[in-house]
Structure formats: C-alpha cells, structure tokens
Protein backbone atom coordinates (compact mmCIF):
# COMPACT_ATOMS: atom_id res chain seq x y z
CA MET A 1 -25.54 -41.94 -23.79
CA LEU A 2 -25.97 -42.49 -27.51
CA LEU A 3 -27.81 -39.73 -29.33
CA THR A 4 -30.66 -41.10 -31.44
CA LYS A 5 -31.99 -39.46 -34.57
CA THR A 6 -35.29 -38.76 -32.81
CA ASN A 7 -33.56 -37.04 -29.91
CA TYR A 8 -31.32 -35.03 -32.24
CA LEU A 9 -34.37 -33.71 -34.10
CA LEU A 10 -36.05 -33.00 -30.76
CA TYR A 11 -32.89 -31.16 -29.65
CA ARG A 12 -33.05 -28.95 -32.74
CA GLU A 13 -36.55 -27.87 -31.70
CA CYS A 14 -35.91 -27.57 -27.95
CA PRO A 15 -32.73 -28.86 -26.24
CA GLU A 16 -34.37 -28.83 -22.83
CA ASN A 17 -37.27 -31.00 -24.00
CA ALA A 18 -34.75 -33.52 -25.37
CA TRP A 19 -33.06 -33.49 -21.95
CA VAL A 20 -36.35 -34.36 -20.20
CA LYS A 21 -36.98 -37.21 -22.65
CA ILE A 22 -33.56 -38.70 -21.96
CA TYR A 23 -33.12 -38.14 -18.22
CA GLU A 24 -36.70 -37.97 -16.95
CA PRO A 25 -38.65 -40.23 -19.34
CA LYS A 26 -41.53 -40.75 -16.88
CA ILE A 27 -42.16 -37.01 -16.83
CA PHE A 28 -41.74 -36.74 -20.60
CA HIS A 29 -44.29 -39.48 -21.23
CA SER A 30 -46.67 -38.16 -18.57
CA PHE A 31 -47.55 -35.38 -21.01
CA LYS A 32 -49.73 -37.68 -23.05
CA PRO A 33 -50.28 -37.02 -26.76
CA SER A 34 -53.77 -36.06 -27.90
CA ASP A 35 -55.94 -38.51 -29.82
CA PHE A 36 -55.06 -36.56 -32.95
CA ASP A 37 -51.32 -36.92 -32.25
CA LYS A 38 -51.80 -40.65 -31.70
CA MET A 39 -53.51 -40.91 -35.08
CA ILE A 40 -50.56 -39.12 -36.69
CA MET A 41 -48.17 -41.65 -35.17
CA GLU A 42 -50.31 -44.58 -36.29
CA THR A 43 -50.47 -43.06 -39.76
CA GLY A 44 -46.68 -42.85 -39.85
CA ASN A 45 -46.40 -46.55 -39.04
CA GLU A 46 -48.94 -47.45 -41.71
CA VAL A 47 -47.11 -45.40 -44.36
CA ASP A 48 -43.74 -46.95 -43.38
CA LYS A 49 -45.09 -50.45 -44.00
CA LEU A 50 -46.81 -49.55 -47.27
CA ALA A 51 -43.68 -47.82 -48.59
CA ARG A 52 -41.77 -51.11 -48.30
CA GLU A 53 -44.03 -52.48 -51.04
CA LEU A 54 -42.22 -50.16 -53.45
CA PHE A 55 -39.19 -52.38 -52.87
CA PRO A 56 -40.54 -55.91 -52.35
CA GLY A 57 -38.51 -58.85 -51.14
CA GLY A 58 -36.43 -57.03 -48.53
CA ILE A 59 -35.27 -58.35 -45.16
CA LEU A 60 -36.77 -56.75 -42.06
CA ILE A 61 -34.62 -56.16 -38.98
CA GLU A 62 -37.21 -56.84 -36.29
CA ASP A 63 -35.01 -56.19 -33.23
CA ARG A 64 -34.53 -52.42 -32.89
CA LYS A 65 -31.10 -53.02 -31.31
CA ASP A 66 -29.79 -55.63 -33.75
CA ALA A 67 -26.89 -53.76 -35.34
CA LYS A 68 -25.03 -57.07 -35.71
CA LYS A 69 -27.66 -58.54 -38.06
CA THR A 70 -27.65 -55.27 -40.00
CA LYS A 71 -23.87 -55.39 -40.42
CA GLU A 72 -24.02 -58.98 -41.68
CA LEU A 73 -26.53 -57.96 -44.35
CA ILE A 74 -24.55 -54.84 -45.29
CA ASP A 75 -21.29 -56.81 -45.57
CA LYS A 76 -22.84 -59.21 -48.08
CA LYS A 77 -24.48 -56.31 -49.96
CA GLU A 78 -28.05 -57.44 -49.30
CA LYS A 79 -30.25 -55.87 -51.98
CA ILE A 80 -33.05 -54.46 -49.80
CA ILE A 81 -33.10 -53.98 -46.02
CA TYR A 82 -36.06 -52.68 -43.99
CA GLN A 83 -35.44 -50.97 -40.64
CA PRO A 84 -31.63 -51.50 -40.51
CA VAL A 85 -30.02 -50.52 -37.18
CA PHE A 86 -26.78 -48.54 -36.86
CA PHE A 87 -24.57 -47.58 -33.89
CA THR A 88 -21.36 -45.59 -33.46
CA ASP A 89 -19.65 -44.61 -30.22
CA LYS A 90 -21.93 -41.54 -29.98
CA PHE A 91 -24.95 -42.01 -32.22
CA GLU A 92 -27.63 -44.48 -33.24
CA PHE A 93 -30.53 -44.60 -35.68
CA ILE A 94 -32.86 -46.92 -37.56
CA ALA A 95 -33.27 -46.26 -41.28
CA ASP A 96 -36.51 -46.98 -43.14
CA ILE A 97 -35.24 -48.64 -46.30
CA LEU A 98 -31.79 -49.25 -47.81
CA VAL A 99 -31.57 -50.39 -51.43
CA TRP A 100 -28.30 -51.60 -52.96
CA ASN A 101 -27.38 -49.87 -56.25
CA ASP A 102 -25.32 -52.33 -58.31
CA GLU A 103 -24.20 -49.72 -60.79
CA GLN A 104 -22.85 -47.34 -58.15
CA GLU A 105 -21.72 -50.03 -55.71
CA ALA A 106 -23.48 -48.16 -52.89
CA TYR A 107 -26.74 -48.00 -50.98
CA ASP A 108 -29.59 -45.60 -51.66
CA ILE A 109 -31.44 -44.35 -48.56
CA TYR A 110 -35.22 -44.08 -48.62
CA GLU A 111 -37.01 -42.31 -45.76
CA ALA A 112 -40.81 -42.70 -45.71
CA LYS A 113 -42.92 -39.79 -44.47
CA SER A 114 -46.67 -39.57 -44.03
CA THR A 115 -47.00 -36.05 -45.48
CA ASN A 116 -48.39 -35.02 -48.85
CA SER A 117 -46.36 -33.88 -51.82
CA GLY A 118 -47.17 -30.58 -53.52
CA GLU A 119 -46.11 -26.94 -53.53
CA LYS A 120 -47.63 -26.12 -50.15
CA LYS A 121 -45.72 -28.95 -48.51
CA LYS A 122 -42.19 -27.78 -49.45
CA LYS A 123 -41.47 -26.52 -45.95
CA LYS A 124 -41.56 -30.11 -44.68
CA LEU A 125 -38.68 -30.98 -47.00
CA ASP A 126 -36.58 -28.43 -45.12
CA ASP A 127 -37.15 -30.45 -41.94
CA TYR A 128 -36.52 -33.77 -43.63
CA LYS A 129 -33.06 -32.81 -44.89
CA TYR A 130 -31.78 -32.81 -41.27
CA ASP A 131 -33.29 -36.25 -40.75
CA LEU A 132 -31.44 -37.63 -43.78
CA ALA A 133 -28.22 -35.75 -43.03
CA PHE A 134 -28.09 -37.37 -39.57
CA GLN A 135 -28.33 -40.79 -41.21
CA VAL A 136 -25.75 -40.05 -43.87
CA ASN A 137 -23.19 -38.81 -41.34
CA ILE A 138 -23.45 -42.02 -39.31
CA LEU A 139 -23.24 -44.26 -42.38
CA LYS A 140 -20.12 -42.40 -43.48
CA LYS A 141 -18.57 -42.95 -40.04
CA LEU A 142 -19.31 -46.66 -40.46
CA SER A 143 -17.71 -46.62 -43.96
CA ILE A 144 -20.95 -47.73 -45.60
CA PRO A 145 -21.03 -46.50 -49.22
CA ILE A 146 -23.96 -44.18 -49.92
CA ASN A 147 -25.20 -43.14 -53.34
CA LYS A 148 -28.44 -41.15 -53.10
CA MET A 149 -30.95 -40.09 -50.47
CA TYR A 150 -34.68 -39.98 -51.08
CA ILE A 151 -37.89 -39.00 -49.30
CA ILE A 152 -40.99 -41.10 -50.00
CA ARG A 153 -44.23 -39.16 -49.56
CA LEU A 154 -47.90 -39.49 -50.39
CA ASN A 155 -48.91 -38.27 -53.84
CA CYS A 156 -51.45 -35.47 -53.36
CA ASP A 157 -52.85 -36.09 -56.88
CA TYR A 158 -53.45 -39.80 -56.43
CA VAL A 159 -57.12 -40.89 -56.56
CA ARG A 160 -57.89 -44.30 -55.16
CA GLU A 161 -59.56 -46.96 -57.26
CA GLU A 162 -60.88 -50.24 -55.89
CA LYS A 163 -57.38 -51.38 -54.92
CA LEU A 164 -54.50 -49.26 -53.71
CA ASN A 165 -51.90 -48.65 -56.39
CA ILE A 166 -48.74 -48.38 -54.31
CA LYS A 167 -46.61 -46.97 -57.11
CA GLU A 168 -49.11 -44.18 -57.74
CA LEU A 169 -49.86 -43.62 -54.04
CA PHE A 170 -46.31 -42.44 -53.39
CA VAL A 171 -43.89 -39.95 -54.91
CA ILE A 172 -40.14 -40.28 -54.44
CA GLU A 173 -38.17 -37.04 -54.10
CA ASP A 174 -34.40 -36.87 -54.55
CA MET A 175 -32.83 -35.03 -51.60
CA THR A 176 -29.20 -35.89 -52.36
CA ASN A 177 -27.85 -32.43 -53.25
CA THR A 178 -29.81 -30.73 -50.46
CA VAL A 179 -28.53 -33.20 -47.87
CA ASN A 180 -24.94 -33.03 -49.09
CA ASP A 181 -25.03 -29.24 -48.81
CA ILE A 182 -25.74 -29.37 -45.07
CA SER A 183 -24.18 -32.65 -43.95
CA GLU A 184 -21.05 -31.04 -42.44
CA ILE A 185 -23.11 -28.45 -40.57
CA VAL A 186 -25.40 -31.19 -39.27
CA LEU A 187 -22.39 -33.24 -38.14
CA GLU A 188 -21.24 -30.29 -36.03
CA GLU A 189 -24.76 -29.96 -34.59
CA MET A 190 -24.83 -33.66 -33.79
CA GLU A 191 -21.52 -33.45 -31.92
CA VAL A 192 -22.67 -30.41 -29.93
CA ALA A 193 -26.03 -31.99 -29.13
CA HIS A 194 -24.35 -35.19 -27.97
CA ASP A 195 -21.89 -33.34 -25.73
CA VAL A 196 -24.47 -30.94 -24.28
CA LEU A 197 -26.96 -33.68 -23.45
CA ASN A 198 -24.25 -35.87 -21.93
CA LYS A 199 -22.79 -33.12 -19.76
CA LEU A 200 -26.05 -31.48 -18.67
CA LYS A 201 -26.92 -33.55 -15.61
CA LYS A 202 -29.18 -31.08 -13.79
CA LYS A 203 -32.64 -30.07 -14.88
CA PRO A 204 -32.43 -26.98 -17.15
CA THR A 205 -33.66 -23.78 -15.53
CA ASP A 206 -35.46 -22.43 -18.56
CA CYS A 207 -36.80 -23.67 -21.85
CA SER A 208 -35.90 -22.38 -25.33
CA CYS A 209 -39.62 -22.22 -26.09
CA LEU A 210 -40.05 -19.26 -23.73
CA ILE A 211 -39.71 -16.92 -26.69
CA LYS A 212 -42.01 -18.93 -28.96
CA GLY A 213 -45.77 -18.64 -29.37
CA LYS A 214 -47.89 -21.16 -27.49
CA SER A 215 -48.58 -23.35 -30.53
CA ALA A 216 -44.81 -23.90 -30.92
CA HIS A 217 -44.18 -24.93 -27.30
CA CYS A 218 -42.52 -28.25 -26.59
CA SER A 219 -44.49 -31.02 -24.90
CA THR A 220 -42.85 -30.50 -21.47
CA PHE A 221 -43.07 -26.70 -21.44
CA LYS A 222 -45.10 -26.59 -18.22
CA TYR A 223 -42.61 -28.79 -16.39
CA LEU A 224 -39.58 -26.84 -17.62
CA ASN A 225 -41.10 -23.42 -16.98
CA PRO A 226 -43.07 -23.57 -13.71
CA LYS A 227 -42.91 -19.79 -13.31
CA VAL A 228 -45.06 -19.33 -16.44
CA PRO A 229 -48.73 -19.14 -15.34
CA GLU A 230 -51.63 -20.80 -17.11
CA TYR A 231 -52.76 -17.48 -18.63
CA SER A 232 -49.43 -16.10 -19.76
CA VAL A 233 -48.09 -13.62 -22.29
CA HIS A 234 -47.86 -16.59 -24.65
CA ASN A 235 -51.66 -16.59 -24.78
CA ILE A 236 -51.79 -13.10 -26.25
CA SER A 237 -53.37 -13.29 -29.70
CA ARG A 238 -50.79 -13.81 -32.46
CA ILE A 239 -47.90 -12.97 -30.13
CA GLY A 240 -46.00 -15.86 -31.72
CA ASN A 241 -45.97 -13.84 -34.96
CA SER A 242 -44.35 -10.95 -33.08
CA LYS A 243 -41.27 -12.72 -31.76
CA LYS A 244 -39.53 -9.45 -30.93
CA LYS A 245 -42.42 -8.39 -28.70
CA LEU A 246 -42.58 -11.75 -26.95
CA ALA A 247 -38.82 -11.83 -26.41
CA GLU A 248 -38.95 -8.30 -24.96
CA LEU A 249 -41.66 -9.29 -22.47
CA ILE A 250 -39.66 -12.35 -21.39
CA ASP A 251 -36.47 -10.26 -21.07
CA LEU A 252 -38.40 -7.91 -18.79
CA GLY A 253 -39.39 -10.89 -16.65
CA ILE A 254 -43.07 -10.50 -17.57
CA TYR A 255 -44.75 -13.89 -17.85
CA SER A 256 -48.34 -13.26 -16.78
CA ILE A 257 -50.80 -11.50 -19.05
CA TYR A 258 -51.95 -9.61 -15.96
CA ASP A 259 -48.52 -7.94 -15.66
CA VAL A 260 -48.20 -6.56 -19.19
CA PRO A 261 -47.58 -2.78 -18.83
CA GLU A 262 -50.18 -0.39 -20.18
CA GLU A 263 -47.55 1.35 -22.31
CA PHE A 264 -46.22 -1.86 -23.89
CA PRO A 265 -46.82 -1.73 -27.69
CA LEU A 266 -49.52 -4.19 -28.80
CA THR A 267 -51.99 -4.36 -31.66
CA ALA A 268 -55.55 -3.19 -30.97
CA ILE A 269 -56.79 -6.78 -30.73
CA GLN A 270 -53.93 -7.77 -28.40
CA ARG A 271 -54.49 -4.73 -26.18
CA SER A 272 -58.22 -5.45 -26.02
CA GLN A 273 -57.47 -8.99 -24.81
CA VAL A 274 -54.97 -7.79 -22.20
CA ASN A 275 -57.32 -5.09 -20.93
CA ALA A 276 -60.18 -7.60 -20.63
CA ALA A 277 -57.97 -9.83 -18.50
CA GLN A 278 -56.51 -7.09 -16.33
CA LEU A 279 -59.67 -5.04 -15.83
CA LYS A 280 -61.99 -8.07 -15.83
CA ASN A 281 -64.19 -6.17 -18.23
CA ILE A 282 -66.71 -7.50 -20.70
CA THR A 283 -66.58 -5.35 -23.82
CA ILE A 284 -69.28 -5.55 -26.47
CA ASP A 285 -69.26 -3.49 -29.65
CA LYS A 286 -73.05 -3.36 -29.93
CA ALA A 287 -73.12 -1.70 -33.35
CA ALA A 288 -70.72 -4.18 -34.96
CA LEU A 289 -72.35 -7.15 -33.23
CA ASN A 290 -75.85 -6.08 -34.33
CA ASP A 291 -74.68 -5.53 -37.90
CA PHE A 292 -73.39 -9.10 -37.88
CA LEU A 293 -76.56 -10.55 -36.30
CA ASN A 294 -78.74 -8.72 -38.82
CA THR A 295 -77.19 -10.75 -41.63
CA ILE A 296 -78.80 -13.89 -40.16
CA GLU A 297 -82.16 -14.86 -41.68
CA TYR A 298 -84.88 -17.29 -40.59
CA PRO A 299 -85.18 -20.21 -40.76
CA ILE A 300 -81.85 -20.54 -38.97
CA SER A 301 -79.96 -23.83 -39.28
CA PHE A 302 -77.20 -24.52 -36.75
CA ILE A 303 -75.01 -27.27 -38.18
CA ASP A 304 -71.82 -29.08 -37.23
CA TYR A 305 -69.96 -31.89 -38.99
CA GLU A 306 -67.48 -34.47 -37.90
CA SER A 307 -64.98 -35.91 -40.32
CA CYS A 308 -62.02 -38.25 -40.35
CA ILE A 309 -58.80 -37.61 -42.25
CA ALA A 310 -57.28 -40.69 -43.86
CA ALA A 311 -53.68 -40.22 -45.01
CA VAL A 312 -53.94 -43.41 -47.06
CA PRO A 313 -57.22 -43.12 -49.00
CA LYS A 314 -59.82 -45.37 -47.44
CA PHE A 315 -62.43 -45.30 -50.19
CA ILE A 316 -62.71 -45.18 -53.99
CA GLY A 317 -62.47 -41.61 -55.30
CA TYR A 318 -60.60 -40.28 -52.28
CA LYS A 319 -57.14 -38.69 -52.29
CA PRO A 320 -54.57 -38.78 -49.48
CA TYR A 321 -55.75 -36.70 -46.53
CA ASP A 322 -59.25 -36.13 -47.91
CA GLN A 323 -61.80 -35.43 -45.18
CA ILE A 324 -64.34 -38.24 -44.78
CA PRO A 325 -67.62 -36.62 -43.62
CA PHE A 326 -69.32 -39.21 -41.45
CA GLN A 327 -71.66 -37.25 -39.15
CA PHE A 328 -73.66 -34.08 -38.70
CA SER A 329 -75.92 -32.50 -36.11
CA LEU A 330 -78.54 -29.95 -37.18
CA HIS A 331 -80.74 -27.72 -35.03
CA ILE A 332 -83.35 -25.66 -36.88
CA LEU A 333 -85.23 -22.58 -35.64
CA GLU A 334 -88.03 -21.76 -38.09
CA ASP A 335 -88.77 -18.39 -36.48
CA LYS A 336 -88.19 -16.66 -33.16
CA ASN A 337 -91.37 -18.11 -31.62
CA ASP A 338 -90.80 -21.67 -32.79
CA ALA A 339 -89.31 -24.56 -30.84
CA LEU A 340 -85.87 -25.79 -31.76
CA LYS A 341 -85.90 -28.95 -33.91
CA HIS A 342 -83.02 -31.43 -34.01
CA PHE A 343 -81.85 -33.79 -36.76
CA GLU A 344 -78.75 -35.94 -36.82
CA PHE A 345 -76.86 -38.31 -39.07
CA LEU A 346 -74.11 -40.83 -38.35
CA HIS A 347 -72.65 -43.27 -40.88
CA ILE A 348 -71.11 -46.26 -39.11
CA GLU A 349 -70.67 -48.66 -42.03
CA ASN A 350 -67.24 -49.24 -43.54
CA THR A 351 -68.45 -47.81 -46.86
CA ILE A 352 -68.25 -44.45 -48.63
CA PRO A 353 -70.46 -42.06 -46.62
CA ASP A 354 -70.66 -39.27 -49.25
CA ILE A 355 -74.06 -39.99 -50.81
CA ALA A 356 -75.80 -40.91 -47.55
CA PHE A 357 -74.36 -37.79 -45.90
CA VAL A 358 -75.49 -35.36 -48.62
CA GLU A 359 -78.86 -37.02 -49.20
CA GLU A 360 -79.74 -36.84 -45.51
CA LEU A 361 -78.60 -33.22 -45.39
CA LYS A 362 -80.67 -32.47 -48.49
CA LYS A 363 -83.73 -34.06 -46.84
CA VAL A 364 -83.64 -32.15 -43.53
CA LEU A 365 -81.95 -28.82 -44.31
CA PRO A 366 -84.32 -25.89 -45.07
CA LYS A 367 -84.02 -24.61 -48.65
CA LYS A 368 -83.63 -21.03 -47.48
CA GLY A 369 -82.40 -19.06 -44.48
CA SER A 370 -79.01 -18.81 -42.83
CA ILE A 371 -76.79 -21.78 -42.07
CA ILE A 372 -74.77 -21.16 -38.91
CA VAL A 373 -71.38 -22.82 -38.50
CA TRP A 374 -68.32 -22.31 -36.35
CA ASN A 375 -65.13 -21.84 -38.39
CA LYS A 376 -66.54 -21.41 -41.89
CA SER A 377 -63.38 -22.27 -43.80
CA PHE A 378 -63.18 -25.72 -42.21
CA GLU A 379 -66.89 -26.55 -42.22
CA CYS A 380 -67.44 -25.49 -45.84
CA ASN A 381 -64.32 -27.28 -46.99
CA ILE A 382 -65.74 -30.61 -45.80
CA ILE A 383 -68.67 -30.52 -48.22
CA ASN A 384 -67.09 -28.22 -50.77
CA ASN A 385 -64.16 -28.89 -53.09
CA ARG A 386 -63.46 -32.63 -52.91
CA LEU A 387 -66.98 -33.81 -52.04
CA ALA A 388 -68.29 -31.91 -55.04
CA GLU A 389 -65.48 -33.31 -57.20
CA ARG A 390 -66.37 -36.84 -56.20
CA ASN A 391 -70.10 -36.21 -56.60
CA PRO A 392 -70.61 -33.50 -59.26
CA SER A 393 -74.37 -34.04 -59.36
CA TYR A 394 -74.54 -32.34 -55.96
CA LEU A 395 -72.57 -29.25 -57.02
CA THR A 396 -75.67 -26.98 -57.19
CA LEU A 397 -76.77 -28.08 -53.72
CA ILE A 398 -73.30 -27.56 -52.29
CA ASN A 399 -72.91 -24.11 -53.86
CA ASN A 400 -76.32 -23.06 -52.50
CA PHE A 401 -75.30 -24.32 -49.07
CA ASN A 402 -72.05 -22.33 -49.07
CA GLU A 403 -73.76 -19.12 -50.18
CA ARG A 404 -76.00 -19.23 -47.08
CA VAL A 405 -73.31 -19.96 -44.48
CA VAL A 406 -72.69 -17.50 -41.64
CA ASP A 407 -69.69 -18.01 -39.38
CA LEU A 408 -70.69 -17.48 -35.74
CA GLU A 409 -67.01 -17.35 -34.74
CA VAL A 410 -66.58 -13.99 -36.55
CA PRO A 411 -67.81 -11.66 -33.75
CA PHE A 412 -65.40 -13.34 -31.34
CA LYS A 413 -62.43 -13.42 -33.71
CA LYS A 414 -62.99 -9.76 -34.58
CA GLN A 415 -63.57 -8.95 -30.91
CA PHE A 416 -67.06 -7.50 -31.23
CA TYR A 417 -67.56 -9.47 -28.02
CA VAL A 418 -64.65 -9.63 -25.56
CA HIS A 419 -64.82 -11.48 -22.23
CA PRO A 420 -61.92 -12.25 -19.85
CA GLY A 421 -63.23 -15.82 -19.64
CA PHE A 422 -62.45 -16.40 -23.34
CA LEU A 423 -58.71 -16.22 -22.53
CA GLY A 424 -58.17 -14.47 -25.84
CA LYS A 425 -59.46 -17.45 -27.86
CA SER A 426 -62.38 -17.82 -30.21
CA SER A 427 -62.77 -21.61 -29.97
CA ILE A 428 -66.32 -22.75 -29.24
CA LYS A 429 -64.87 -24.73 -26.32
CA ASN A 430 -63.77 -21.42 -24.72
CA ILE A 431 -66.81 -19.34 -25.63
CA LEU A 432 -69.54 -21.82 -24.62
CA PRO A 433 -68.71 -22.45 -20.93
CA THR A 434 -68.09 -18.73 -20.43
CA LEU A 435 -71.42 -17.56 -21.85
CA SER A 436 -73.47 -20.65 -20.92
CA PRO A 437 -71.78 -22.32 -17.92
CA LYS A 438 -74.27 -25.21 -17.76
CA PHE A 439 -72.84 -26.52 -21.06
CA SER A 440 -69.34 -27.95 -21.32
CA HIS A 441 -67.42 -30.43 -23.46
CA LYS A 442 -65.51 -31.49 -20.34
CA ASN A 443 -68.48 -33.56 -19.18
CA LEU A 444 -68.52 -35.69 -22.34
CA ASN A 445 -66.81 -39.00 -23.06
CA ILE A 446 -65.61 -37.50 -26.34
CA GLN A 447 -64.31 -33.98 -25.84
CA GLU A 448 -62.57 -32.99 -29.06
CA GLY A 449 -62.56 -33.69 -32.79
CA GLY A 450 -59.49 -35.92 -32.76
CA ALA A 451 -61.16 -38.30 -30.33
CA ALA A 452 -64.36 -38.28 -32.42
CA SER A 453 -62.41 -39.12 -35.55
CA ASP A 454 -60.48 -41.88 -33.80
CA THR A 455 -63.69 -43.36 -32.35
CA TRP A 456 -65.40 -43.43 -35.75
CA ASN A 457 -62.36 -45.01 -37.36
CA LYS A 458 -62.39 -47.79 -34.76
CA ILE A 459 -66.14 -48.29 -35.22
CA VAL A 460 -65.91 -48.83 -38.98
CA ASN A 461 -62.85 -51.05 -38.55
CA GLY A 462 -64.88 -53.31 -36.24
CA GLU A 463 -62.74 -52.77 -33.13
CA PHE A 464 -65.68 -52.65 -30.67
CA ASP A 465 -68.03 -55.38 -29.46
CA ASP A 466 -71.80 -54.83 -29.58
CA ASN A 467 -72.04 -53.12 -26.18
CA GLU A 468 -69.06 -50.89 -26.86
CA LEU A 469 -70.43 -50.04 -30.30
CA LYS A 470 -73.70 -48.87 -28.78
CA ASP A 471 -71.88 -46.70 -26.22
CA LYS A 472 -69.41 -45.25 -28.73
CA THR A 473 -72.17 -44.44 -31.20
CA LYS A 474 -74.06 -42.59 -28.48
CA ASP A 475 -70.89 -40.72 -27.47
CA LEU A 476 -70.41 -39.48 -31.04
CA LEU A 477 -74.02 -38.32 -31.32
CA VAL A 478 -73.90 -36.50 -27.98
CA TYR A 479 -70.60 -34.81 -28.83
CA CYS A 480 -71.73 -33.51 -32.20
CA GLU A 481 -75.12 -32.40 -30.87
CA LEU A 482 -73.50 -30.29 -28.17
CA ASP A 483 -71.75 -28.16 -30.79
CA THR A 484 -75.02 -27.18 -32.49
CA ILE A 485 -76.73 -26.58 -29.15
CA ALA A 486 -73.68 -24.48 -28.26
CA MET A 487 -74.08 -22.28 -31.33
CA TYR A 488 -77.75 -21.77 -30.57
CA GLU A 489 -76.99 -20.81 -26.96
CA ILE A 490 -74.17 -18.46 -28.00
CA TRP A 491 -76.36 -16.85 -30.67
CA LYS A 492 -79.10 -16.24 -28.07
CA LYS A 493 -76.54 -14.69 -25.70
CA CYS A 494 -75.40 -12.32 -28.46
CA LEU A 495 -79.02 -11.17 -28.93
CA GLU A 496 -79.34 -10.00 -25.31
C-alpha cells in the first residue's frame, strides 16, 4: 500500500479513520458528507483551477496515475506543470502547481487552498506546512530539485469588480523556512504512518477521537466506537474544552451521559445538563426567563435569513467568503390579541440581491418593537458589516435593526430553560421538536442551511428545469418559514 498525502494528513488527525478509508472504503464513504461539506470540496476544486491562471501556459497531467508523463516533463525542465503525479516505493501524491525557476535551477511548489488570508487564519498555515513537507520529502527522494514552497490563498481584502482580477484575488505566502524546519520530523511521521497502516490488518478496537470533543470526531467515529451511545459524555457542553475531564471519564470507562457520577467535577452548566438527562427533569429558572421575556416589546417580528457563502466573489462589491443574503421569512405579531402575519422574500435571479433584500425588509418590517432571531451574532452579521459597507445609504436602517434584535437562543444557552430532550444543545432544531413536537425540520425536503445554500446556488446557476425550479423554490420558502414559525412557537412555550 502506498501512503497518499490525503491519507497521511488523515492519519495525523485520526489513524483509525485513515485505516477505515484504506481497508474498508465502502464503510468510509457510507458516512456521507453534508451539503455544506460538499460545497467546501467543490470550492476547493474551483480555487485550484483559478490558481493555475496565476501561471498560464502550463501542462496539465489529466491522468491521476500518470507518473511517467510527469517524469518526462520534469526531465526536460518543463516550465509549468499542473497536477503532476509522483510515486516512490512507499508514498504518492499529486501536487497543484510546479514552476521551474531558471535562476535557481529548481522547481517552486505552489499549493492552492480555498481559505482566506489574514491574521485570524494563521492557524490554517500550521496545518498546511505538513501538507507541503510531505510533498517536499517525496520530491527529495526522487532527486527533483526544489527551491521554494508556497501556499496560494484567497485575499481577504480583495473586492470584486465586474471581472475577476486573478492576481488580486489571491495572495501567495512563502512557507519555505517553516516547511524546512519540520521536514525531517514529517519524514519520520510518514514512515511510521506507512508502516502502521500496512501492518494493521484488523479493525482497530478504539478510535483516537475518544478523548476529543464531538465537533472534532472523525467521520467514522460511530463505526470505530460502537460502545459509545448516541447521547454520550462527548455531548456534555464544552467538554471538548476540558480535555482532562473527558480523558478521565473515558479512562473510567464512562461513555454514557447517564453514567456520569454525581461527584464528578463539572461546571454548573455541564452538571445541569447531566442532571436533566439522568433525572429526566425539566428545569426552568422562572425569574431569569421572565426577565429575558420582559425585554421583548410589541410589535414582535420573528425573522430568519438564508445566505450563501461564495469563496470566490460572485458579485461586484463582494469579498471572498462574503455572505450573500438571498432570502428571509418574517412573522409579525402586532399585539398579544392579533393574528400572526407572514411575509417572505426570495431572490432567485443571478444578480446582486442586496438592494432587493433590504428594500423588501424595509417595506414589511415594523419600525418599532423587538426583532426576534436565533443566534444573534450570525443573523446580525448577514445584514451588518459588509452589507452596510457595500450599501452605505442603508447604514441607519441597519443600525436601527441591530439595536432592536433579541436573541431567542439566549435562555437556552444560559440554561434558564433545561429539558432532557434538548440533549444539551441550544440549536433551534433541538429545541423546536422537544417543545412543539408537531413541528420538525426532518419532514422537509431541505433540512439544514447548507442544503438551502446549495439549492439557491444551483437555482441561480440555472441547473434546474422549470418543474424542478418550481419545486426547489417552494422547498426554500417552506424551510425558511419553519424557522420563524419555530421561534414563535418556542416564544409562546416560554410564556406558559
């Protein structure tokens, strides 16, 4: 078995998951990626192709196994090669771009990534150095001269004009010194990973992710750890930030949240969650909940948005990874005796939705009263910073909107309302079916934001025929409407 770069990086995260991918691929691929994950993969492919335009005129190796063609090009010092393929007796990988440096008589390596540049993205560079070090070690084994190693990423400050400016869209970051510093360590890791994965013929008994929080679990965690129940100690709020606590529970053989000892040290929020599960108690802090509810003023507007993130800016004025607000649902309750009114907006043209979105919101949203959202930081961000930057004439409207927002998730995050059915989460998809069982996202054709975003993207790209377009448009409207109905139903339940 040859160890690929992908499997080496997977091994670094979880050796057992890499084993499943290699020896039981049907099982590995049975854990299907979410619609959001699929979009990330498609984005990566798009960025790879665009990055080649930085170095035009190269030769593409189309066959992912054609090391012979690659060698022929390398031997004659071909200036630019896209997707070159390399094999040794133990390892294999496909590079993104190799560029011959005449002055240094060596190749420069360029690895394209679909992440943003910027201070907050530095952690990603720490991951990328292992990617490049794997490549460098193989090229050295093949006696291919290497000069420098670079990462190509999206420029977070780039603002699109009518046409994409490829040179401004990307930034190129020199990783040479960082990669050289760890290349020997990585070579040792590569050798160990190759030997372990070749010798380990039986299914591993446990997974390295056992002592990681749920969000860090590998894709085949359930298969590798059948003794871990659905509602496990990994579901305890923020337990992933307390690795010592989690490791101690696992060492004690405690996997179920129902088996956590009463004397085990937990934070107040964690203990409240565990007690709710074990005692099957509903706990409501009436005073705190009422204080929160009393901040809400009529008319009450329950609003939810849907947006699509485009890594490569889709429209003029947009930056990489700007949110594109394409839809909202709004339910309004003028007073406690009034009937609920519904308004909705969906932009399905392949044009900038900003003005239409804000103008429709301006038309139907009451000029006073509370605006109820779920997850304030996300919802306000959609029509805050960048939308206001792109459309400064709406700044007063947007500021007024944000001043009136009330986050209905707060009483659940702060555990004013604790129910064993929430499973320790404050997502609307956990709260709604517990408090109002007749409502559920599981009955919808679109069940989560990633699928909504993907559906909209396909609509505006013209990927559906007329009948499909009608159905998909309806699916989006129904999905978004459920979230505002959900907030209304949850708010009513809190009033009881």
